[in-house]
Amino acid sequence: MVGGGRHTVRDRFSLPLRRGRDQGGRHHHQYPDTVGYAVPHEYRALFETVRQRVPNSDKAIFSVHCHNDLGLAVANTLAGIEGGARQVECTINGMGERAGNAAMKRW
C-alpha cells in the first residue's frame, strides 16, 4: 500500500510488470500523473516503494511527468525527485494539456 491507498491497486499490477521489464533489460521507468490528481506525499511514496521493490532499480532511470490540474505539478515533480526520480519531463512556462504541465520556471 502506498500513501494511504490511492496507488494501491496500480501497485498491485504495476510492480510485477516493472520487475519483469527490468529483468528484461528495461532501464527507464516513467510514472506520470497525467490526470493531475496526485498529492506530493503519495507521489513520493510511489517512487520510494517501486525503487525498494524492483530489482536493480539503482541502475534504472525513473522519471516524472506531472500535469497541473490541481496546481500541484511542481510540488509533485519535486516529491518524485525526493522519492528517487532522476529525470524530469517539464515545460517552459507550464504549457500543456488542460491546466498544463510542471513549469520549469517555478523551480
PDB file of N, CA and C in Angstrom:
ATOM      1  N   MET A   1       0.842  -1.169   0.000  1.00  0.00           N
ATOM      2  CA  MET A   1       0.000   0.000   0.000  1.00  0.00           C
ATOM      3  C   MET A   1       0.892   1.240   0.000  1.00  0.00           C
ATOM      4  N   VAL A   2       0.566   2.176  -0.829  1.00  0.00           N
ATOM      5  CA  VAL A   2       1.352   3.399  -0.928  1.00  0.00           C
ATOM      6  C   VAL A   2       0.494   4.588  -0.584  1.00  0.00           C
ATOM      7  N   GLY A   3       0.976   5.422   0.323  1.00  0.00           N
ATOM      8  CA  GLY A   3       0.350   6.700   0.618  1.00  0.00           C
ATOM      9  C   GLY A   3      -1.107   6.640   1.042  1.00  0.00           C
ATOM     10  N   GLY A   4      -1.505   5.613   1.729  1.00  0.00           N
ATOM     11  CA  GLY A   4      -2.857   5.569   2.246  1.00  0.00           C
ATOM     12  C   GLY A   4      -3.879   4.989   1.296  1.00  0.00           C
ATOM     13  N   GLY A   5      -3.489   4.509   0.132  1.00  0.00           N
ATOM     14  CA  GLY A   5      -4.427   3.765  -0.669  1.00  0.00           C
ATOM     15  C   GLY A   5      -4.679   4.224  -2.078  1.00  0.00           C
ATOM     16  N   ARG A   6      -4.382   5.441  -2.433  1.00  0.00           N
ATOM     17  CA  ARG A   6      -4.728   5.912  -3.764  1.00  0.00           C
ATOM     18  C   ARG A   6      -3.993   5.137  -4.862  1.00  0.00           C
ATOM     19  N   HIS A   7      -2.760   4.715  -4.590  1.00  0.00           N
ATOM     20  CA  HIS A   7      -1.985   3.988  -5.590  1.00  0.00           C
ATOM     21  C   HIS A   7      -1.981   2.484  -5.355  1.00  0.00           C
ATOM     22  N   THR A   8      -2.757   1.992  -4.422  1.00  0.00           N
ATOM     23  CA  THR A   8      -2.720   0.592  -4.029  1.00  0.00           C
ATOM     24  C   THR A   8      -3.028  -0.350  -5.183  1.00  0.00           C
ATOM     25  N   VAL A   9      -4.102  -0.132  -5.905  1.00  0.00           N
ATOM     26  CA  VAL A   9      -4.488  -1.030  -6.992  1.00  0.00           C
ATOM     27  C   VAL A   9      -3.448  -0.982  -8.099  1.00  0.00           C
ATOM     28  N   ARG A  10      -3.001   0.195  -8.449  1.00  0.00           N
ATOM     29  CA  ARG A  10      -2.000   0.318  -9.504  1.00  0.00           C
ATOM     30  C   ARG A  10      -0.728  -0.417  -9.106  1.00  0.00           C
ATOM     31  N   ASP A  11      -0.322  -0.323  -7.839  1.00  0.00           N
ATOM     32  CA  ASP A  11       0.888  -1.003  -7.396  1.00  0.00           C
ATOM     33  C   ASP A  11       0.745  -2.516  -7.501  1.00  0.00           C
ATOM     34  N   ARG A  12      -0.429  -3.016  -7.185  1.00  0.00           N
ATOM     35  CA  ARG A  12      -0.648  -4.455  -7.227  1.00  0.00           C
ATOM     36  C   ARG A  12      -0.370  -5.006  -8.623  1.00  0.00           C
ATOM     37  N   PHE A  13      -0.674  -4.220  -9.653  1.00  0.00           N
ATOM     38  CA  PHE A  13      -0.469  -4.665 -11.020  1.00  0.00           C
ATOM     39  C   PHE A  13       0.833  -4.164 -11.621  1.00  0.00           C
ATOM     40  N   SER A  14       1.258  -2.958 -11.257  1.00  0.00           N
ATOM     41  CA  SER A  14       2.426  -2.388 -11.921  1.00  0.00           C
ATOM     42  C   SER A  14       3.744  -2.903 -11.372  1.00  0.00           C
ATOM     43  N   LEU A  15       3.825  -3.229 -10.078  1.00  0.00           N
ATOM     44  CA  LEU A  15       5.099  -3.698  -9.548  1.00  0.00           C
ATOM     45  C   LEU A  15       5.583  -4.979 -10.215  1.00  0.00           C
ATOM     46  N   PRO A  16       4.737  -6.009 -10.386  1.00  0.00           N
ATOM     47  CA  PRO A  16       5.207  -7.194 -11.114  1.00  0.00           C
ATOM     48  C   PRO A  16       5.619  -6.867 -12.545  1.00  0.00           C
ATOM     49  N   LEU A  17       4.893  -5.963 -13.212  1.00  0.00           N
ATOM     50  CA  LEU A  17       5.271  -5.577 -14.569  1.00  0.00           C
ATOM     51  C   LEU A  17       6.617  -4.885 -14.575  1.00  0.00           C
ATOM     52  N   ARG A  18       6.844  -3.991 -13.645  1.00  0.00           N
ATOM     53  CA  ARG A  18       8.118  -3.284 -13.561  1.00  0.00           C
ATOM     54  C   ARG A  18       9.251  -4.254 -13.292  1.00  0.00           C
ATOM     55  N   ARG A  19       9.018  -5.226 -12.417  1.00  0.00           N
ATOM     56  CA  ARG A  19      10.060  -6.217 -12.128  1.00  0.00           C
ATOM     57  C   ARG A  19      10.419  -6.976 -13.400  1.00  0.00           C
ATOM     58  N   GLY A  20       9.406  -7.422 -14.131  1.00  0.00           N
ATOM     59  CA  GLY A  20       9.649  -8.178 -15.357  1.00  0.00           C
ATOM     60  C   GLY A  20      10.354  -7.356 -16.417  1.00  0.00           C
ATOM     61  N   ARG A  21       9.964  -6.105 -16.563  1.00  0.00           N
ATOM     62  CA  ARG A  21      10.600  -5.246 -17.555  1.00  0.00           C
ATOM     63  C   ARG A  21      12.053  -4.984 -17.197  1.00  0.00           C
ATOM     64  N   ASP A  22      12.325  -4.793 -15.916  1.00  0.00           N
ATOM     65  CA  ASP A  22      13.694  -4.512 -15.517  1.00  0.00           C
ATOM     66  C   ASP A  22      14.579  -5.727 -15.748  1.00  0.00           C
ATOM     67  N   GLN A  23      14.043  -6.921 -15.483  1.00  0.00           N
ATOM     68  CA  GLN A  23      14.818  -8.130 -15.720  1.00  0.00           C
ATOM     69  C   GLN A  23      15.039  -8.341 -17.210  1.00  0.00           C
ATOM     70  N   GLY A  24      14.148  -7.798 -18.026  1.00  0.00           N
ATOM     71  CA  GLY A  24      14.289  -7.916 -19.476  1.00  0.00           C
ATOM     72  C   GLY A  24      15.169  -6.841 -20.076  1.00  0.00           C
ATOM     73  N   GLY A  25      15.769  -6.010 -19.263  1.00  0.00           N
ATOM     74  CA  GLY A  25      16.700  -5.013 -19.764  1.00  0.00           C
ATOM     75  C   GLY A  25      16.140  -3.598 -19.858  1.00  0.00           C
ATOM     76  N   ARG A  26      14.929  -3.396 -19.424  1.00  0.00           N
ATOM     77  CA  ARG A  26      14.368  -2.048 -19.472  1.00  0.00           C
ATOM     78  C   ARG A  26      14.952  -1.230 -18.325  1.00  0.00           C
ATOM     79  N   HIS A  27      15.442  -0.054 -18.653  1.00  0.00           N
ATOM     80  CA  HIS A  27      16.093   0.739 -17.626  1.00  0.00           C
ATOM     81  C   HIS A  27      15.478   2.118 -17.460  1.00  0.00           C
ATOM     82  N   HIS A  28      14.344   2.370 -18.089  1.00  0.00           N
ATOM     83  CA  HIS A  28      13.672   3.655 -17.923  1.00  0.00           C
ATOM     84  C   HIS A  28      12.232   3.387 -17.506  1.00  0.00           C
ATOM     85  N   HIS A  29      11.851   3.976 -16.383  1.00  0.00           N
ATOM     86  CA  HIS A  29      10.505   3.789 -15.856  1.00  0.00           C
ATOM     87  C   HIS A  29       9.879   5.152 -15.650  1.00  0.00           C
ATOM     88  N   GLN A  30       8.749   5.386 -16.283  1.00  0.00           N
ATOM     89  CA  GLN A  30       8.061   6.661 -16.136  1.00  0.00           C
ATOM     90  C   GLN A  30       6.777   6.451 -15.346  1.00  0.00           C
ATOM     91  N   TYR A  31       6.596   7.276 -14.337  1.00  0.00           N
ATOM     92  CA  TYR A  31       5.358   7.277 -13.578  1.00  0.00           C
ATOM     93  C   TYR A  31       4.712   8.645 -13.738  1.00  0.00           C
ATOM     94  N   PRO A  32       3.886   8.815 -14.759  1.00  0.00           N
ATOM     95  CA  PRO A  32       3.259  10.119 -14.979  1.00  0.00           C
ATOM     96  C   PRO A  32       2.019  10.309 -14.112  1.00  0.00           C
ATOM     97  N   ASP A  33       1.770  11.538 -13.796  1.00  0.00           N
ATOM     98  CA  ASP A  33       0.493  11.911 -13.180  1.00  0.00           C
ATOM     99  C   ASP A  33      -0.274  12.657 -14.265  1.00  0.00           C
ATOM    100  N   THR A  34      -0.798  11.905 -15.213  1.00  0.00           N
ATOM    101  CA  THR A  34      -1.401  12.513 -16.400  1.00  0.00           C
ATOM    102  C   THR A  34      -2.771  13.121 -16.151  1.00  0.00           C
ATOM    103  N   VAL A  35      -3.411  12.770 -15.048  1.00  0.00           N
ATOM    104  CA  VAL A  35      -4.704  13.384 -14.761  1.00  0.00           C
ATOM    105  C   VAL A  35      -4.581  14.467 -13.697  1.00  0.00           C
ATOM    106  N   GLY A  36      -3.382  14.656 -13.153  1.00  0.00           N
ATOM    107  CA  GLY A  36      -3.125  15.747 -12.236  1.00  0.00           C
ATOM    108  C   GLY A  36      -3.820  15.651 -10.894  1.00  0.00           C
ATOM    109  N   TYR A  37      -4.073  14.436 -10.393  1.00  0.00           N
ATOM    110  CA  TYR A  37      -4.782  14.304  -9.123  1.00  0.00           C
ATOM    111  C   TYR A  37      -3.890  13.822  -7.979  1.00  0.00           C
ATOM    112  N   ALA A  38      -2.634  13.522  -8.244  1.00  0.00           N
ATOM    113  CA  ALA A  38      -1.741  13.033  -7.190  1.00  0.00           C
ATOM    114  C   ALA A  38      -1.431  14.149  -6.197  1.00  0.00           C
ATOM    115  N   VAL A  39      -1.102  13.745  -4.980  1.00  0.00           N
ATOM    116  CA  VAL A  39      -0.644  14.694  -3.974  1.00  0.00           C
ATOM    117  C   VAL A  39       0.803  14.344  -3.643  1.00  0.00           C
ATOM    118  N   PRO A  40       1.600  15.323  -3.268  1.00  0.00           N
ATOM    119  CA  PRO A  40       3.044  15.113  -3.147  1.00  0.00           C
ATOM    120  C   PRO A  40       3.483  13.943  -2.273  1.00  0.00           C
ATOM    121  N   HIS A  41       2.934  13.786  -1.082  1.00  0.00           N
ATOM    122  CA  HIS A  41       3.430  12.704  -0.218  1.00  0.00           C
ATOM    123  C   HIS A  41       3.124  11.324  -0.809  1.00  0.00           C
ATOM    124  N   GLU A  42       2.025  11.183  -1.513  1.00  0.00           N
ATOM    125  CA  GLU A  42       1.711   9.896  -2.140  1.00  0.00           C
ATOM    126  C   GLU A  42       2.592   9.657  -3.363  1.00  0.00           C
ATOM    127  N   TYR A  43       2.857  10.707  -4.113  1.00  0.00           N
ATOM    128  CA  TYR A  43       3.683  10.561  -5.317  1.00  0.00           C
ATOM    129  C   TYR A  43       5.110  10.187  -4.929  1.00  0.00           C
ATOM    130  N   ARG A  44       5.623  10.813  -3.877  1.00  0.00           N
ATOM    131  CA  ARG A  44       6.958  10.465  -3.390  1.00  0.00           C
ATOM    132  C   ARG A  44       6.980   9.009  -2.920  1.00  0.00           C
ATOM    133  N   ALA A  45       5.971   8.606  -2.162  1.00  0.00           N
ATOM    134  CA  ALA A  45       5.902   7.237  -1.654  1.00  0.00           C
ATOM    135  C   ALA A  45       5.830   6.218  -2.787  1.00  0.00           C
ATOM    136  N   LEU A  46       5.184   6.572  -3.879  1.00  0.00           N
ATOM    137  CA  LEU A  46       5.117   5.676  -5.032  1.00  0.00           C
ATOM    138  C   LEU A  46       6.513   5.378  -5.561  1.00  0.00           C
ATOM    139  N   PHE A  47       7.310   6.417  -5.757  1.00  0.00           N
ATOM    140  CA  PHE A  47       8.679   6.223  -6.244  1.00  0.00           C
ATOM    141  C   PHE A  47       9.522   5.457  -5.239  1.00  0.00           C
ATOM    142  N   GLU A  48       9.399   5.778  -3.972  1.00  0.00           N
ATOM    143  CA  GLU A  48      10.174   5.074  -2.950  1.00  0.00           C
ATOM    144  C   GLU A  48       9.833   3.591  -2.918  1.00  0.00           C
ATOM    145  N   THR A  49       8.555   3.270  -3.004  1.00  0.00           N
ATOM    146  CA  THR A  49       8.118   1.877  -2.962  1.00  0.00           C
ATOM    147  C   THR A  49       8.623   1.101  -4.170  1.00  0.00           C
ATOM    148  N   VAL A  50       8.485   1.678  -5.341  1.00  0.00           N
ATOM    149  CA  VAL A  50       8.940   0.993  -6.549  1.00  0.00           C
ATOM    150  C   VAL A  50      10.453   0.789  -6.502  1.00  0.00           C
ATOM    151  N   ARG A  51      11.177   1.811  -6.104  1.00  0.00           N
ATOM    152  CA  ARG A  51      12.643   1.685  -6.045  1.00  0.00           C
ATOM    153  C   ARG A  51      13.080   0.619  -5.043  1.00  0.00           C
ATOM    154  N   GLN A  52      12.321   0.451  -3.966  1.00  0.00           N
ATOM    155  CA  GLN A  52      12.661  -0.564  -2.972  1.00  0.00           C
ATOM    156  C   GLN A  52      12.344  -1.974  -3.462  1.00  0.00           C
ATOM    157  N   ARG A  53      11.286  -2.123  -4.235  1.00  0.00           N
ATOM    158  CA  ARG A  53      10.800  -3.464  -4.584  1.00  0.00           C
ATOM    159  C   ARG A  53      11.233  -3.979  -5.944  1.00  0.00           C
ATOM    160  N   VAL A  54      11.693  -3.109  -6.821  1.00  0.00           N
ATOM    161  CA  VAL A  54      12.100  -3.550  -8.156  1.00  0.00           C
ATOM    162  C   VAL A  54      13.591  -3.873  -8.137  1.00  0.00           C
ATOM    163  N   PRO A  55      13.963  -5.102  -8.517  1.00  0.00           N
ATOM    164  CA  PRO A  55      15.383  -5.462  -8.542  1.00  0.00           C
ATOM    165  C   PRO A  55      16.168  -4.555  -9.501  1.00  0.00           C
ATOM    166  N   ASN A  56      17.381  -4.228  -9.115  1.00  0.00           N
ATOM    167  CA  ASN A  56      18.291  -3.407  -9.917  1.00  0.00           C
ATOM    168  C   ASN A  56      17.758  -2.002 -10.187  1.00  0.00           C
ATOM    169  N   SER A  57      16.886  -1.514  -9.322  1.00  0.00           N
ATOM    170  CA  SER A  57      16.325  -0.183  -9.558  1.00  0.00           C
ATOM    171  C   SER A  57      17.385   0.908  -9.477  1.00  0.00           C
ATOM    172  N   ASP A  58      18.495   0.618  -8.808  1.00  0.00           N
ATOM    173  CA  ASP A  58      19.562   1.612  -8.736  1.00  0.00           C
ATOM    174  C   ASP A  58      20.207   1.854 -10.098  1.00  0.00           C
ATOM    175  N   LYS A  59      20.015   0.929 -11.032  1.00  0.00           N
ATOM    176  CA  LYS A  59      20.569   1.072 -12.382  1.00  0.00           C
ATOM    177  C   LYS A  59      19.561   1.687 -13.359  1.00  0.00           C
ATOM    178  N   ALA A  60      18.327   1.813 -12.922  1.00  0.00           N
ATOM    179  CA  ALA A  60      17.268   2.316 -13.795  1.00  0.00           C
ATOM    180  C   ALA A  60      17.098   3.826 -13.629  1.00  0.00           C
ATOM    181  N   ILE A  61      16.517   4.440 -14.637  1.00  0.00           N
ATOM    182  CA  ILE A  61      16.178   5.852 -14.580  1.00  0.00           C
ATOM    183  C   ILE A  61      14.667   5.955 -14.387  1.00  0.00           C
ATOM    184  N   PHE A  62      14.261   6.596 -13.322  1.00  0.00           N
ATOM    185  CA  PHE A  62      12.852   6.832 -13.053  1.00  0.00           C
ATOM    186  C   PHE A  62      12.553   8.277 -13.396  1.00  0.00           C
ATOM    187  N   SER A  63      11.442   8.498 -14.090  1.00  0.00           N
ATOM    188  CA  SER A  63      11.124   9.863 -14.498  1.00  0.00           C
ATOM    189  C   SER A  63       9.717  10.259 -14.071  1.00  0.00           C
ATOM    190  N   VAL A  64       9.536  11.580 -13.919  1.00  0.00           N
ATOM    191  CA  VAL A  64       8.245  12.155 -13.554  1.00  0.00           C
ATOM    192  C   VAL A  64       7.721  12.978 -14.721  1.00  0.00           C
ATOM    193  N   HIS A  65       6.406  13.027 -14.825  1.00  0.00           N
ATOM    194  CA  HIS A  65       5.709  13.808 -15.854  1.00  0.00           C
ATOM    195  C   HIS A  65       4.376  14.201 -15.227  1.00  0.00           C
ATOM    196  N   CYS A  66       4.305  15.398 -14.676  1.00  0.00           N
ATOM    197  CA  CYS A  66       3.130  15.787 -13.896  1.00  0.00           C
ATOM    198  C   CYS A  66       2.307  16.865 -14.588  1.00  0.00           C
ATOM    199  N   HIS A  67       0.997  16.708 -14.509  1.00  0.00           N
ATOM    200  CA  HIS A  67       0.064  17.712 -15.020  1.00  0.00           C
ATOM    201  C   HIS A  67      -0.430  18.571 -13.856  1.00  0.00           C
ATOM    202  N   ASN A  68      -0.923  19.748 -14.168  1.00  0.00           N
ATOM    203  CA  ASN A  68      -1.188  20.765 -13.161  1.00  0.00           C
ATOM    204  C   ASN A  68      -2.673  20.999 -12.887  1.00  0.00           C
ATOM    205  N   ASP A  69      -3.501  20.012 -13.059  1.00  0.00           N
ATOM    206  CA  ASP A  69      -4.948  20.194 -12.886  1.00  0.00           C
ATOM    207  C   ASP A  69      -5.332  20.720 -11.502  1.00  0.00           C
ATOM    208  N   LEU A  70      -4.646  20.288 -10.469  1.00  0.00           N
ATOM    209  CA  LEU A  70      -4.939  20.761  -9.111  1.00  0.00           C
ATOM    210  C   LEU A  70      -3.881  21.745  -8.611  1.00  0.00           C
ATOM    211  N   GLY A  71      -3.021  22.215  -9.513  1.00  0.00           N
ATOM    212  CA  GLY A  71      -1.992  23.172  -9.137  1.00  0.00           C
ATOM    213  C   GLY A  71      -0.818  22.556  -8.400  1.00  0.00           C
ATOM    214  N   LEU A  72      -0.642  21.236  -8.514  1.00  0.00           N
ATOM    215  CA  LEU A  72       0.404  20.540  -7.768  1.00  0.00           C
ATOM    216  C   LEU A  72       1.509  19.954  -8.644  1.00  0.00           C
ATOM    217  N   ALA A  73       1.572  20.332  -9.908  1.00  0.00           N
ATOM    218  CA  ALA A  73       2.555  19.718 -10.810  1.00  0.00           C
ATOM    219  C   ALA A  73       3.986  19.925 -10.338  1.00  0.00           C
ATOM    220  N   VAL A  74       4.337  21.133  -9.942  1.00  0.00           N
ATOM    221  CA  VAL A  74       5.700  21.387  -9.486  1.00  0.00           C
ATOM    222  C   VAL A  74       5.957  20.673  -8.166  1.00  0.00           C
ATOM    223  N   ALA A  75       5.016  20.740  -7.243  1.00  0.00           N
ATOM    224  CA  ALA A  75       5.173  20.062  -5.948  1.00  0.00           C
ATOM    225  C   ALA A  75       5.306  18.552  -6.136  1.00  0.00           C
ATOM    226  N   ASN A  76       4.504  17.972  -7.017  1.00  0.00           N
ATOM    227  CA  ASN A  76       4.593  16.535  -7.268  1.00  0.00           C
ATOM    228  C   ASN A  76       5.903  16.172  -7.958  1.00  0.00           C
ATOM    229  N   THR A  77       6.363  17.028  -8.857  1.00  0.00           N
ATOM    230  CA  THR A  77       7.638  16.780  -9.523  1.00  0.00           C
ATOM    231  C   THR A  77       8.769  16.760  -8.501  1.00  0.00           C
ATOM    232  N   LEU A  78       8.797  17.733  -7.617  1.00  0.00           N
ATOM    233  CA  LEU A  78       9.833  17.771  -6.583  1.00  0.00           C
ATOM    234  C   LEU A  78       9.717  16.578  -5.640  1.00  0.00           C
ATOM    235  N   ALA A  79       8.493  16.160  -5.333  1.00  0.00           N
ATOM    236  CA  ALA A  79       8.291  14.985  -4.485  1.00  0.00           C
ATOM    237  C   ALA A  79       8.802  13.728  -5.182  1.00  0.00           C
ATOM    238  N   GLY A  80       8.579  13.633  -6.498  1.00  0.00           N
ATOM    239  CA  GLY A  80       9.103  12.496  -7.252  1.00  0.00           C
ATOM    240  C   GLY A  80      10.622  12.451  -7.222  1.00  0.00           C
ATOM    241  N   ILE A  81      11.249  13.608  -7.318  1.00  0.00           N
ATOM    242  CA  ILE A  81      12.711  13.677  -7.237  1.00  0.00           C
ATOM    243  C   ILE A  81      13.171  13.220  -5.856  1.00  0.00           C
ATOM    244  N   GLU A  82      12.498  13.688  -4.820  1.00  0.00           N
ATOM    245  CA  GLU A  82      12.833  13.253  -3.460  1.00  0.00           C
ATOM    246  C   GLU A  82      12.663  11.748  -3.303  1.00  0.00           C
ATOM    247  N   GLY A  83      11.703  11.174  -4.018  1.00  0.00           N
ATOM    248  CA  GLY A  83      11.450   9.737  -3.948  1.00  0.00           C
ATOM    249  C   GLY A  83      12.393   8.900  -4.790  1.00  0.00           C
ATOM    250  N   GLY A  84      13.227   9.543  -5.606  1.00  0.00           N
ATOM    251  CA  GLY A  84      14.223   8.794  -6.373  1.00  0.00           C
ATOM    252  C   GLY A  84      14.198   8.993  -7.871  1.00  0.00           C
ATOM    253  N   ALA A  85      13.296   9.821  -8.382  1.00  0.00           N
ATOM    254  CA  ALA A  85      13.291  10.076  -9.827  1.00  0.00           C
ATOM    255  C   ALA A  85      14.553  10.842 -10.214  1.00  0.00           C
ATOM    256  N   ARG A  86      15.124  10.473 -11.364  1.00  0.00           N
ATOM    257  CA  ARG A  86      16.334  11.145 -11.833  1.00  0.00           C
ATOM    258  C   ARG A  86      16.101  11.925 -13.114  1.00  0.00           C
ATOM    259  N   GLN A  87      14.915  11.842 -13.664  1.00  0.00           N
ATOM    260  CA  GLN A  87      14.606  12.558 -14.904  1.00  0.00           C
ATOM    261  C   GLN A  87      13.279  13.273 -14.734  1.00  0.00           C
ATOM    262  N   VAL A  88      13.223  14.524 -15.195  1.00  0.00           N
ATOM    263  CA  VAL A  88      12.016  15.327 -15.090  1.00  0.00           C
ATOM    264  C   VAL A  88      11.563  15.726 -16.486  1.00  0.00           C
ATOM    265  N   GLU A  89      10.300  15.517 -16.762  1.00  0.00           N
ATOM    266  CA  GLU A  89       9.707  15.982 -18.007  1.00  0.00           C
ATOM    267  C   GLU A  89       8.827  17.166 -17.645  1.00  0.00           C
ATOM    268  N   CYS A  90       9.253  18.351 -18.039  1.00  0.00           N
ATOM    269  CA  CYS A  90       8.535  19.563 -17.690  1.00  0.00           C
ATOM    270  C   CYS A  90       8.457  20.463 -18.918  1.00  0.00           C
ATOM    271  N   THR A  91       7.873  21.634 -18.745  1.00  0.00           N
ATOM    272  CA  THR A  91       7.715  22.542 -19.870  1.00  0.00           C
ATOM    273  C   THR A  91       8.176  23.940 -19.487  1.00  0.00           C
ATOM    274  N   ILE A  92       8.434  24.740 -20.483  1.00  0.00           N
ATOM    275  CA  ILE A  92       8.733  26.146 -20.255  1.00  0.00           C
ATOM    276  C   ILE A  92       7.397  26.868 -20.107  1.00  0.00           C
ATOM    277  N   ASN A  93       7.242  27.591 -19.039  1.00  0.00           N
ATOM    278  CA  ASN A  93       6.019  28.340 -18.730  1.00  0.00           C
ATOM    279  C   ASN A  93       4.802  27.459 -18.461  1.00  0.00           C
ATOM    280  N   GLY A  94       4.979  26.154 -18.274  1.00  0.00           N
ATOM    281  CA  GLY A  94       3.876  25.284 -17.909  1.00  0.00           C
ATOM    282  C   GLY A  94       2.889  24.956 -19.017  1.00  0.00           C
ATOM    283  N   MET A  95       3.218  25.256 -20.266  1.00  0.00           N
ATOM    284  CA  MET A  95       2.309  24.993 -21.376  1.00  0.00           C
ATOM    285  C   MET A  95       2.054  23.496 -21.496  1.00  0.00           C
ATOM    286  N   GLY A  96       0.821  23.120 -21.798  1.00  0.00           N
ATOM    287  CA  GLY A  96       0.488  21.716 -21.959  1.00  0.00           C
ATOM    288  C   GLY A  96      -1.007  21.509 -21.949  1.00  0.00           C
ATOM    289  N   GLU A  97      -1.416  20.255 -21.975  1.00  0.00           N
ATOM    290  CA  GLU A  97      -2.840  19.917 -21.989  1.00  0.00           C
ATOM    291  C   GLU A  97      -3.563  20.472 -20.765  1.00  0.00           C
ATOM    292  N   ARG A  98      -4.825  20.733 -20.927  1.00  0.00           N
ATOM    293  CA  ARG A  98      -5.718  21.189 -19.854  1.00  0.00           C
ATOM    294  C   ARG A  98      -5.065  22.307 -19.044  1.00  0.00           C
ATOM    295  N   ALA A  99      -4.668  22.036 -17.807  1.00  0.00           N
ATOM    296  CA  ALA A  99      -4.088  23.064 -16.938  1.00  0.00           C
ATOM    297  C   ALA A  99      -2.578  23.165 -17.096  1.00  0.00           C
ATOM    298  N   GLY A 100      -1.996  22.361 -17.960  1.00  0.00           N
ATOM    299  CA  GLY A 100      -0.558  22.428 -18.220  1.00  0.00           C
ATOM    300  C   GLY A 100       0.237  21.393 -17.460  1.00  0.00           C
ATOM    301  N   ASN A 101       1.549  21.448 -17.651  1.00  0.00           N
ATOM    302  CA  ASN A 101       2.487  20.537 -17.007  1.00  0.00           C
ATOM    303  C   ASN A 101       3.312  21.302 -15.975  1.00  0.00           C
ATOM    304  N   ALA A 102       4.248  20.601 -15.361  1.00  0.00           N
ATOM    305  CA  ALA A 102       5.129  21.250 -14.386  1.00  0.00           C
ATOM    306  C   ALA A 102       5.938  22.323 -15.085  1.00  0.00           C
ATOM    307  N   ALA A 103       5.881  23.522 -14.568  1.00  0.00           N
ATOM    308  CA  ALA A 103       6.575  24.658 -15.169  1.00  0.00           C
ATOM    309  C   ALA A 103       7.999  24.752 -14.628  1.00  0.00           C
ATOM    310  N   MET A 104       8.965  24.655 -15.511  1.00  0.00           N
ATOM    311  CA  MET A 104      10.360  24.699 -15.145  1.00  0.00           C
ATOM    312  C   MET A 104      10.720  26.009 -14.438  1.00  0.00           C
ATOM    313  N   LYS A 105      10.094  27.095 -14.807  1.00  0.00           N
ATOM    314  CA  LYS A 105      10.420  28.398 -14.261  1.00  0.00           C
ATOM    315  C   LYS A 105      10.121  28.527 -12.770  1.00  0.00           C
ATOM    316  N   ARG A 106       9.305  27.654 -12.225  1.00  0.00           N
ATOM    317  CA  ARG A 106       8.905  27.758 -10.822  1.00  0.00           C
ATOM    318  C   ARG A 106       9.880  27.078  -9.867  1.00  0.00           C
ATOM    319  N   TRP A 107      10.915  26.458 -10.372  1.00  0.00           N
ATOM    320  CA  TRP A 107      11.857  25.759  -9.520  1.00  0.00           C
ATOM    321  C   TRP A 107      12.840  26.739  -9.034  1.00  0.00           C
TER     322      TRP A 107
END
